[in-house]
C-alpha atoms as a PDB file:
ATOM      1  CA  MET A   1     -18.109  16.797  -7.875  1.00  0.00           C
ATOM      2  CA  SER A   2     -14.460  17.741  -7.340  1.00  0.00           C
ATOM      3  CA  VAL A   3     -12.415  19.207 -10.183  1.00  0.00           C
ATOM      4  CA  SER A   4      -8.737  20.082 -10.616  1.00  0.00           C
ATOM      5  CA  THR A   5      -6.717  21.646 -13.412  1.00  0.00           C
ATOM      6  CA  VAL A   6      -3.481  20.321 -14.907  1.00  0.00           C
ATOM      7  CA  THR A   7      -0.582  22.812 -15.046  1.00  0.00           C
ATOM      8  CA  LYS A   8       1.942  23.234 -17.879  1.00  0.00           C
ATOM      9  CA  LYS A   9       4.237  20.897 -15.930  1.00  0.00           C
ATOM     10  CA  GLY A  10       1.543  18.188 -15.810  1.00  0.00           C
ATOM     11  CA  GLN A  11       0.848  18.750 -12.124  1.00  0.00           C
ATOM     12  CA  THR A  12      -2.503  18.962 -10.411  1.00  0.00           C
ATOM     13  CA  THR A  13      -3.802  19.388  -6.884  1.00  0.00           C
ATOM     14  CA  VAL A  14      -6.036  16.722  -5.431  1.00  0.00           C
ATOM     15  CA  PRO A  15      -9.029  18.627  -4.034  1.00  0.00           C
ATOM     16  CA  LYS A  16      -9.164  18.809  -0.234  1.00  0.00           C
ATOM     17  CA  ASP A  17     -12.449  16.921   0.064  1.00  0.00           C
ATOM     18  CA  VAL A  18     -10.969  14.069  -2.008  1.00  0.00           C
ATOM     19  CA  ARG A  19      -7.732  14.017   0.055  1.00  0.00           C
ATOM     20  CA  ASP A  20      -9.781  13.940   3.245  1.00  0.00           C
ATOM     21  CA  SER A  21     -12.023  11.173   1.932  1.00  0.00           C
ATOM     22  CA  LEU A  22      -9.040   9.062   0.853  1.00  0.00           C
ATOM     23  CA  GLY A  23      -7.065   9.819   4.008  1.00  0.00           C
ATOM     24  CA  ILE A  24      -3.993  11.036   2.140  1.00  0.00           C
ATOM     25  CA  GLY A  25      -1.651  13.885   2.909  1.00  0.00           C
ATOM     26  CA  PRO A  26       1.789  15.135   1.893  1.00  0.00           C
ATOM     27  CA  GLY A  27       3.862  12.260   0.514  1.00  0.00           C
ATOM     28  CA  GLY A  28       0.775  10.178  -0.240  1.00  0.00           C
ATOM     29  CA  VAL A  29       1.164   7.906  -3.256  1.00  0.00           C
ATOM     30  CA  LEU A  30      -1.527   7.519  -5.907  1.00  0.00           C
ATOM     31  CA  GLU A  31      -1.593   4.809  -8.565  1.00  0.00           C
ATOM     32  CA  TRP A  32      -3.368   5.522 -11.853  1.00  0.00           C
ATOM     33  CA  LYS A  33      -5.037   2.502 -13.515  1.00  0.00           C
ATOM     34  CA  LYS A  34      -6.486   2.717 -17.014  1.00  0.00           C
ATOM     35  CA  ALA A  35     -10.135   1.646 -16.963  1.00  0.00           C
ATOM     36  CA  GLY A  36     -11.272   2.749 -20.424  1.00  0.00           C
ATOM     37  CA  GLU A  37     -10.522   5.071 -23.326  1.00  0.00           C
ATOM     38  CA  ASN A  38     -11.019   8.267 -21.274  1.00  0.00           C
ATOM     39  CA  THR A  39     -11.255   6.750 -17.819  1.00  0.00           C
ATOM     40  CA  TYR A  40      -8.680   6.117 -15.112  1.00  0.00           C
ATOM     41  CA  ILE A  41      -9.151   4.807 -11.590  1.00  0.00           C
ATOM     42  CA  VAL A  42      -6.982   6.427  -8.927  1.00  0.00           C
ATOM     43  CA  VAL A  43      -5.938   4.104  -6.101  1.00  0.00           C
ATOM     44  CA  VAL A  44      -4.215   5.134  -2.880  1.00  0.00           C
ATOM     45  CA  VAL A  45      -1.029   3.119  -2.420  1.00  0.00           C
ATOM     46  CA  ASP A  46      -0.359   2.647   1.269  1.00  0.00           C
ATOM     47  CA  ARG A  47       3.254   1.635   1.769  1.00  0.00           C
ATOM     48  CA  SER A  48       3.445   2.282   5.474  1.00  0.00           C
ATOM     49  CA  VAL A  49       4.862  -0.620   7.440  1.00  0.00           C
ATOM     50  CA  LYS A  50       2.917   0.666  10.438  1.00  0.00           C
ATOM     51  CA  LYS A  51      -0.296  -0.462   8.729  1.00  0.00           C
ATOM     52  CA  LEU A  52       0.924  -4.086   8.954  1.00  0.00           C
ATOM     53  CA  LYS A  53       1.091  -4.041  12.746  1.00  0.00           C
ATOM     54  CA  GLY A  54      -1.177  -6.653  14.282  1.00  0.00           C
ATOM     55  CA  MET A  55      -1.887  -8.514  11.030  1.00  0.00           C
ATOM     56  CA  ILE A  56       0.105 -11.556  12.095  1.00  0.00           C
ATOM     57  CA  LYS A  57      -0.566 -12.874  15.559  1.00  0.00           C
ATOM     58  CA  LYS A  58       2.269 -14.018  17.805  1.00  0.00           C
ATOM     59  CA  PRO A  59       2.704 -17.797  17.881  1.00  0.00           C
ATOM     60  CA  SER A  60       1.317 -19.555  20.946  1.00  0.00           C
ATOM     61  CA  THR A  61       4.689 -21.232  21.560  1.00  0.00           C
ATOM     62  CA  LYS A  62       8.204 -19.903  21.109  1.00  0.00           C
ATOM     63  CA  VAL A  63      10.374 -21.375  18.362  1.00  0.00           C
ATOM     64  CA  SER A  64      14.150 -21.464  18.664  1.00  0.00           C
ATOM     65  CA  ILE A  65      16.527 -20.412  15.908  1.00  0.00           C
ATOM     66  CA  GLU A  66      17.709 -24.015  15.673  1.00  0.00           C
ATOM     67  CA  ASP A  67      14.120 -25.229  15.161  1.00  0.00           C
ATOM     68  CA  MET A  68      13.698 -22.663  12.385  1.00  0.00           C
ATOM     69  CA  ARG A  69      16.951 -23.723  10.700  1.00  0.00           C
ATOM     70  CA  LYS A  70      15.927 -27.388  10.956  1.00  0.00           C
ATOM     71  CA  ALA A  71      12.542 -26.639   9.361  1.00  0.00           C
ATOM     72  CA  ILE A  72      14.250 -24.726   6.524  1.00  0.00           C
ATOM     73  CA  ARG A  73      16.678 -27.614   5.905  1.00  0.00           C
ATOM     74  CA  GLU A  74      13.778 -30.080   5.826  1.00  0.00           C
ATOM     75  CA  MET A  75      11.901 -27.921   3.316  1.00  0.00           C
ATOM     76  CA  GLY A  76      14.974 -27.854   1.079  1.00  0.00           C
ATOM     77  CA  ASP A  77      15.157 -31.642   1.010  1.00  0.00           C
ATOM     78  CA  GLY A  78      11.560 -32.015  -0.216  1.00  0.00           C
END
């Protein structure tokens, strides 16, 4: 079990084994979610755009700007 202490300023250090397990380092963002009266769940918030790379595949055919504008206009009429 990993333990940390809260300072007078309300700060604490995430133990190294926990940081390593979560894959977080300096600048990492943690979100605290209340799960019960004395229980919180800590979630790593990954805001790196680099993590999105490869999620959306390139289209099989190219689409022109005019085709995109036409599609947007058609959506607005519906």
